[in-house]
Protein backbone atom coordinates (compact mmCIF):
# COMPACT_ATOMS: atom_id res chain seq x y z
CA MET A 1 0.18 -0.49 0.21
CA LYS A 2 3.00 2.38 0.81
CA LEU A 3 4.08 1.74 -2.38
CA PHE A 4 0.95 3.01 -4.41
CA ARG A 5 0.68 5.88 -2.55
CA MET A 6 4.55 6.54 -3.15
CA ALA A 7 3.91 6.21 -6.23
CA ALA A 8 0.69 8.31 -6.81
CA VAL A 9 2.47 11.47 -5.70
CA LEU A 10 5.72 11.08 -7.43
CA ALA A 11 2.67 11.23 -10.48
CA LEU A 12 1.67 14.11 -9.23
CA VAL A 13 4.76 15.70 -8.75
CA ALA A 14 6.40 14.43 -12.01
CA GLY A 15 3.06 15.09 -14.46
CA PRO A 16 3.23 19.41 -13.95
CA ALA A 17 7.58 19.17 -14.84
CA PHE A 18 7.10 16.83 -17.30
CA ALA A 19 3.81 19.33 -19.23
CA GLN A 20 6.85 22.07 -18.94
CA GLU A 21 9.25 20.16 -21.19
CA SER A 22 6.57 19.27 -23.73
CA PRO A 23 7.22 21.32 -27.00
CA HIS A 24 5.66 24.85 -27.61
CA ILE A 25 3.99 24.25 -31.19
CA ASN A 26 2.78 27.30 -32.23
CA LEU A 27 -0.96 26.09 -34.19
CA MET A 28 -1.94 29.74 -35.16
CA ALA A 29 -0.23 30.55 -39.22
CA ASP A 30 0.54 34.20 -39.38
CA GLY A 31 -1.94 35.04 -41.51
CA PRO A 32 -1.98 35.51 -44.71
CA SER A 33 1.50 37.54 -46.42
CA LYS A 34 0.74 41.03 -46.90
CA THR A 35 0.15 42.74 -50.74
CA ASP A 36 2.45 44.33 -52.60
CA ASP A 37 0.43 47.36 -51.83
CA GLU A 38 -0.05 46.85 -48.26
CA LYS A 39 3.45 46.60 -47.70
CA ALA A 40 4.10 49.75 -50.11
CA ALA A 41 1.39 51.62 -47.31
CA ASP A 42 3.53 49.82 -44.00
CA ALA A 43 6.56 51.49 -45.97
CA ALA A 44 5.37 55.39 -46.10
CA ARG A 45 4.02 55.00 -42.77
CA ASP A 46 7.17 54.27 -41.31
CA LYS A 47 8.87 56.98 -43.50
CA ALA A 48 6.32 59.07 -42.22
CA TYR A 49 6.95 58.11 -38.49
CA LYS A 50 10.23 57.88 -38.44
CA GLU A 51 10.21 62.09 -39.40
CA THR A 52 8.01 62.97 -37.85
CA LEU A 53 10.64 62.10 -34.59
CA LYS A 54 13.57 64.22 -36.15
CA LYS A 55 11.06 66.92 -35.70
CA ILE A 56 10.70 66.63 -32.37
CA PRO A 57 12.30 69.14 -30.22
CA ASP A 58 16.04 67.66 -28.02
CA ALA A 59 14.89 68.74 -24.53
CA LYS A 60 17.53 70.95 -23.41
CA ALA A 61 17.56 71.60 -20.11
CA ALA A 62 14.78 69.31 -17.12
CA ASN A 63 12.38 71.46 -15.72
CA ASP A 64 12.81 71.43 -11.77
CA PRO A 65 10.04 73.61 -9.84
CA TRP A 66 11.61 72.14 -6.84
CA GLY A 67 15.16 72.55 -7.12
CA GLY A 68 15.28 75.49 -4.98
CA MET A 69 13.29 73.81 -2.17
CA ARG A 70 15.98 71.31 -2.10
CA ALA A 71 18.45 70.77 0.76
CA ASP A 72 21.54 69.89 0.05
CA PRO A 73 22.49 66.09 -0.04
CA PRO A 74 24.16 65.41 3.54
CA LYS A 75 27.79 65.74 3.34
CA GLN A 76 30.11 62.18 4.13
CA PRO A 77 31.57 62.81 7.22
CA ALA A 78 35.41 62.27 7.64
CA PRO A 79 37.38 58.71 7.65
CA LYS A 80 38.60 58.36 11.59
CA LYS A 81 42.24 58.33 11.57
CA THR A 82 44.55 55.76 13.37
CA SER A 83 47.43 56.34 14.91
CA ALA A 84 50.82 54.06 15.90
CA ALA A 85 50.92 56.94 18.63
CA THR A 86 47.31 56.30 19.93
CA SER A 87 47.10 52.65 20.14
CA THR A 88 48.00 50.03 23.08
CA PRO A 89 50.54 47.08 22.44
CA LYS A 90 48.77 43.73 22.24
CA LYS A 91 49.77 41.93 26.35
CA PRO A 92 51.01 38.49 25.43
CA LYS A 93 48.91 35.36 27.45
CA ALA A 94 50.31 34.57 30.64
CA GLY A 95 51.94 31.45 30.20
CA THR A 96 52.97 31.54 26.31
CA ALA A 97 56.99 31.94 25.59
CA ALA A 98 58.23 34.75 23.65
CA ASN A 99 59.96 32.82 20.44
């Protein structure tokens, strides 16, 4: 009975994994190919779009109406400097030899 339960659990776990590995087939065709008139119309539409994009002026500066209201960014604190004179040498542990 345990063997049957284990087989059922494995089948439930393996089912979705097997479905993910199946080949993906596109059953819908791309549709009928375009005629010469449709291709010419698409080319003209693309050309007009690109010309329109060229007419858009470049942005000179960012418009920031609240720019004067913001505080300056916080300054980073200077890193602490440690000097050899302020540090104390470590004492050797009791019962250990110096060499």
